[in-house]
Amino acid sequence: MRLYHFSEEPDIELFVPRVKANRTDMPPVVWAIDQKHEFTFYFPRDCPRIVYTRSEGISAEDEVKFFGLSKSDTIITVETGWYKIINETTLYRYMLPGDDFQLFDETAGYYIAEQTIEPLSVDPIHNLIEKLIAMNIEIRFTPNLYPLRDAILNSTLKNFGIHRFQNARKV
């Protein structure tokens, strides 16, 4: 199993467990993402974004509302103010030893380890938007994420992620 950690730092030699700001109820851990979900991290660290995927159980009304005429099964929406930053960012994908991690959230592809982790390798990732497009992921830009977040939270969508929302523009 391939697990990754994404960073804007090119030279991390060790990943030391730490308490995550929005998970203070957990012990210090190192976080990783599986290969299937790695695309959700093709963004600068602080970039607020909403990712949702077409899945069973969505109502016909919500199918039209959230997917409309799109042929893509995955849609990522980002605030327009992040467009230039995304285009100029180089990320570094650190490959981590999968045997050292335990599954934390299967739907999101998150894994955790309670010990210090040495990366196996690191690769720079450029042209983030082009990589997403090549994966048939639809990318949408909007001035503000709040209306979409509120609509999703009151919908039949079950497979979604709201990332770094604390950095979204205030309503």
Protein backbone atom coordinates (compact mmCIF):
# COMPACT_ATOMS: atom_id res chain seq x y z
CA MET A 1 0.00 0.00 0.00
CA ARG A 2 1.29 3.44 -0.93
CA LEU A 3 0.85 6.20 1.60
CA TYR A 4 1.86 9.82 1.18
CA HIS A 5 2.31 13.06 3.03
CA PHE A 6 2.18 16.33 1.08
CA SER A 7 4.11 19.44 2.01
CA GLU A 8 5.42 22.67 0.53
CA GLU A 9 8.72 21.88 2.28
CA PRO A 10 11.20 20.00 0.07
CA ASP A 11 13.53 18.62 2.72
CA ILE A 12 11.68 16.87 5.55
CA GLU A 13 13.91 14.12 6.90
CA LEU A 14 11.62 12.83 9.66
CA PHE A 15 7.91 13.12 10.39
CA VAL A 16 7.50 13.49 14.14
CA PRO A 17 4.06 12.84 15.67
CA ARG A 18 2.21 16.00 16.65
CA VAL A 19 -1.21 17.00 17.89
CA LYS A 20 -3.32 18.33 15.02
CA ALA A 21 -4.97 21.69 15.77
CA ASN A 22 -8.49 20.45 14.94
CA ARG A 23 -7.97 17.04 16.64
CA THR A 24 -6.77 17.99 20.11
CA ASP A 25 -8.63 14.99 21.55
CA MET A 26 -6.15 12.63 19.85
CA PRO A 27 -2.58 11.72 20.79
CA PRO A 28 0.27 13.08 18.66
CA VAL A 29 0.36 11.27 15.30
CA VAL A 30 1.83 11.43 11.81
CA TRP A 31 -0.87 11.70 9.13
CA ALA A 32 -0.80 10.05 5.71
CA ILE A 33 -3.16 9.75 2.76
CA ASP A 34 -3.63 6.74 0.50
CA GLN A 35 -3.00 6.77 -3.24
CA LYS A 36 -6.71 6.73 -4.12
CA HIS A 37 -7.33 10.01 -2.27
CA GLU A 38 -4.00 11.80 -2.74
CA PHE A 39 -5.52 14.22 -5.27
CA THR A 40 -7.38 15.93 -2.42
CA PHE A 41 -3.98 17.29 -1.34
CA TYR A 42 -2.91 18.72 -4.72
CA PHE A 43 -3.35 22.18 -3.19
CA PRO A 44 -1.30 24.55 -1.05
CA ARG A 45 -1.57 23.52 2.60
CA ASP A 46 -3.86 26.35 3.72
CA CYS A 47 -6.09 26.38 0.64
CA PRO A 48 -9.76 25.98 1.60
CA ARG A 49 -11.59 23.55 -0.69
CA ILE A 50 -14.59 21.30 -0.92
CA VAL A 51 -14.28 17.91 -2.58
CA TYR A 52 -17.31 15.78 -3.36
CA THR A 53 -17.89 12.59 -5.28
CA ARG A 54 -20.90 11.13 -7.01
CA SER A 55 -22.10 8.14 -4.99
CA GLU A 56 -25.12 5.97 -4.31
CA GLY A 57 -27.93 7.39 -2.24
CA ILE A 58 -27.89 10.92 -3.65
CA SER A 59 -31.34 12.26 -4.43
CA ALA A 60 -32.25 13.19 -8.01
CA GLU A 61 -32.58 16.82 -6.92
CA ASP A 62 -29.09 16.84 -5.36
CA GLU A 63 -27.63 15.06 -8.39
CA VAL A 64 -28.80 17.96 -10.55
CA LYS A 65 -27.81 20.59 -7.96
CA PHE A 66 -24.25 19.40 -7.39
CA PHE A 67 -23.31 17.65 -10.63
CA GLY A 68 -25.60 19.33 -13.20
CA LEU A 69 -24.29 18.55 -16.65
CA SER A 70 -20.88 17.38 -15.46
CA LYS A 71 -19.57 14.01 -16.60
CA SER A 72 -17.00 14.00 -13.79
CA ASP A 73 -17.64 11.88 -10.70
CA THR A 74 -15.43 14.14 -8.56
CA ILE A 75 -15.72 17.90 -8.23
CA ILE A 76 -13.42 20.18 -6.27
CA THR A 77 -14.43 23.76 -5.56
CA VAL A 78 -11.91 26.39 -4.48
CA GLU A 79 -12.22 30.09 -3.83
CA THR A 80 -11.07 32.21 -6.77
CA GLY A 81 -8.51 34.05 -4.67
CA TRP A 82 -6.45 30.86 -4.54
CA TYR A 83 -6.17 30.32 -8.31
CA LYS A 84 -2.81 32.07 -8.78
CA ILE A 85 -1.33 30.56 -5.62
CA ILE A 86 -2.30 27.04 -6.74
CA ASN A 87 -0.72 27.65 -10.14
CA GLU A 88 2.53 28.86 -8.58
CA THR A 89 2.85 26.20 -5.87
CA THR A 90 5.18 23.23 -6.02
CA LEU A 91 4.25 20.46 -3.63
CA TYR A 92 6.44 17.67 -2.37
CA ARG A 93 4.94 14.20 -2.14
CA TYR A 94 6.66 12.11 0.49
CA MET A 95 6.19 8.35 0.16
CA LEU A 96 5.85 6.75 3.59
CA PRO A 97 6.20 3.12 4.73
CA GLY A 98 2.64 1.77 4.76
CA ASP A 99 3.33 -0.93 7.36
CA ASP A 100 3.91 1.72 10.02
CA PHE A 101 0.38 3.16 9.73
CA GLN A 102 -3.12 2.17 10.76
CA LEU A 103 -6.34 3.12 8.99
CA PHE A 104 -8.04 6.15 10.53
CA ASP A 105 -10.79 7.02 8.00
CA GLU A 106 -11.45 4.72 5.05
CA THR A 107 -13.80 7.15 3.27
CA ALA A 108 -11.19 9.93 3.27
CA GLY A 109 -8.17 7.63 2.89
CA TYR A 110 -6.49 8.86 6.09
CA TYR A 111 -3.93 6.81 8.00
CA ILE A 112 -2.06 7.59 11.21
CA ALA A 113 1.13 6.47 12.96
CA GLU A 114 2.10 7.20 16.55
CA GLN A 115 5.85 6.86 15.94
CA THR A 116 8.38 9.00 14.10
CA ILE A 117 8.43 8.15 10.37
CA GLU A 118 11.31 8.39 7.92
CA PRO A 119 10.10 9.00 4.35
CA LEU A 120 11.09 6.50 1.67
CA SER A 121 11.31 9.11 -1.07
CA VAL A 122 10.17 12.59 -2.09
CA ASP A 123 8.95 13.84 -5.47
CA PRO A 124 8.11 17.41 -6.51
CA ILE A 125 4.64 17.94 -7.96
CA HIS A 126 4.16 20.86 -10.34
CA ASN A 127 1.16 21.99 -12.43
CA LEU A 128 -1.39 20.95 -9.86
CA ILE A 129 -4.47 22.01 -11.81
CA GLU A 130 -3.31 20.15 -14.93
CA LYS A 131 -2.78 16.99 -12.85
CA LEU A 132 -6.34 17.19 -11.55
CA ILE A 133 -7.75 17.80 -15.01
CA ALA A 134 -5.85 14.77 -16.34
CA MET A 135 -7.63 12.68 -13.68
CA ASN A 136 -11.04 13.79 -15.04
CA ILE A 137 -11.68 15.83 -11.90
CA GLU A 138 -13.75 18.94 -12.42
CA ILE A 139 -12.35 22.02 -10.71
CA ARG A 140 -14.67 24.90 -9.99
CA PHE A 141 -13.79 28.34 -8.68
CA THR A 142 -16.15 30.50 -6.67
CA PRO A 143 -15.77 33.79 -4.79
CA ASN A 144 -16.95 32.16 -1.54
CA LEU A 145 -17.27 28.55 -0.30
CA TYR A 146 -19.91 29.16 2.39
CA PRO A 147 -23.00 28.71 0.17
CA LEU A 148 -21.67 25.41 -1.21
CA ARG A 149 -20.71 24.13 2.24
CA ASP A 150 -24.15 24.96 3.63
CA ALA A 151 -25.87 23.29 0.67
CA ILE A 152 -23.78 20.12 1.03
CA LEU A 153 -24.38 19.88 4.78
CA ASN A 154 -28.13 20.03 4.09
CA SER A 155 -28.09 17.52 1.22
CA THR A 156 -28.09 13.79 0.56
CA LEU A 157 -24.39 13.89 -0.46
CA LYS A 158 -22.44 11.49 1.74
CA ASN A 159 -18.99 11.38 0.13
CA PHE A 160 -17.48 14.82 0.62
CA GLY A 161 -14.62 16.58 2.35
CA ILE A 162 -14.39 20.16 3.53
CA HIS A 163 -10.70 21.03 3.86
CA ARG A 164 -9.11 24.03 5.62
CA PHE A 165 -12.47 25.78 5.82
CA GLN A 166 -11.19 28.04 8.60
CA ASN A 167 -9.28 29.83 5.80
CA ALA A 168 -12.37 30.45 3.64
CA ARG A 169 -13.50 34.03 3.11
CA LYS A 170 -15.93 35.07 5.80
CA VAL A 171 -19.47 35.67 4.62
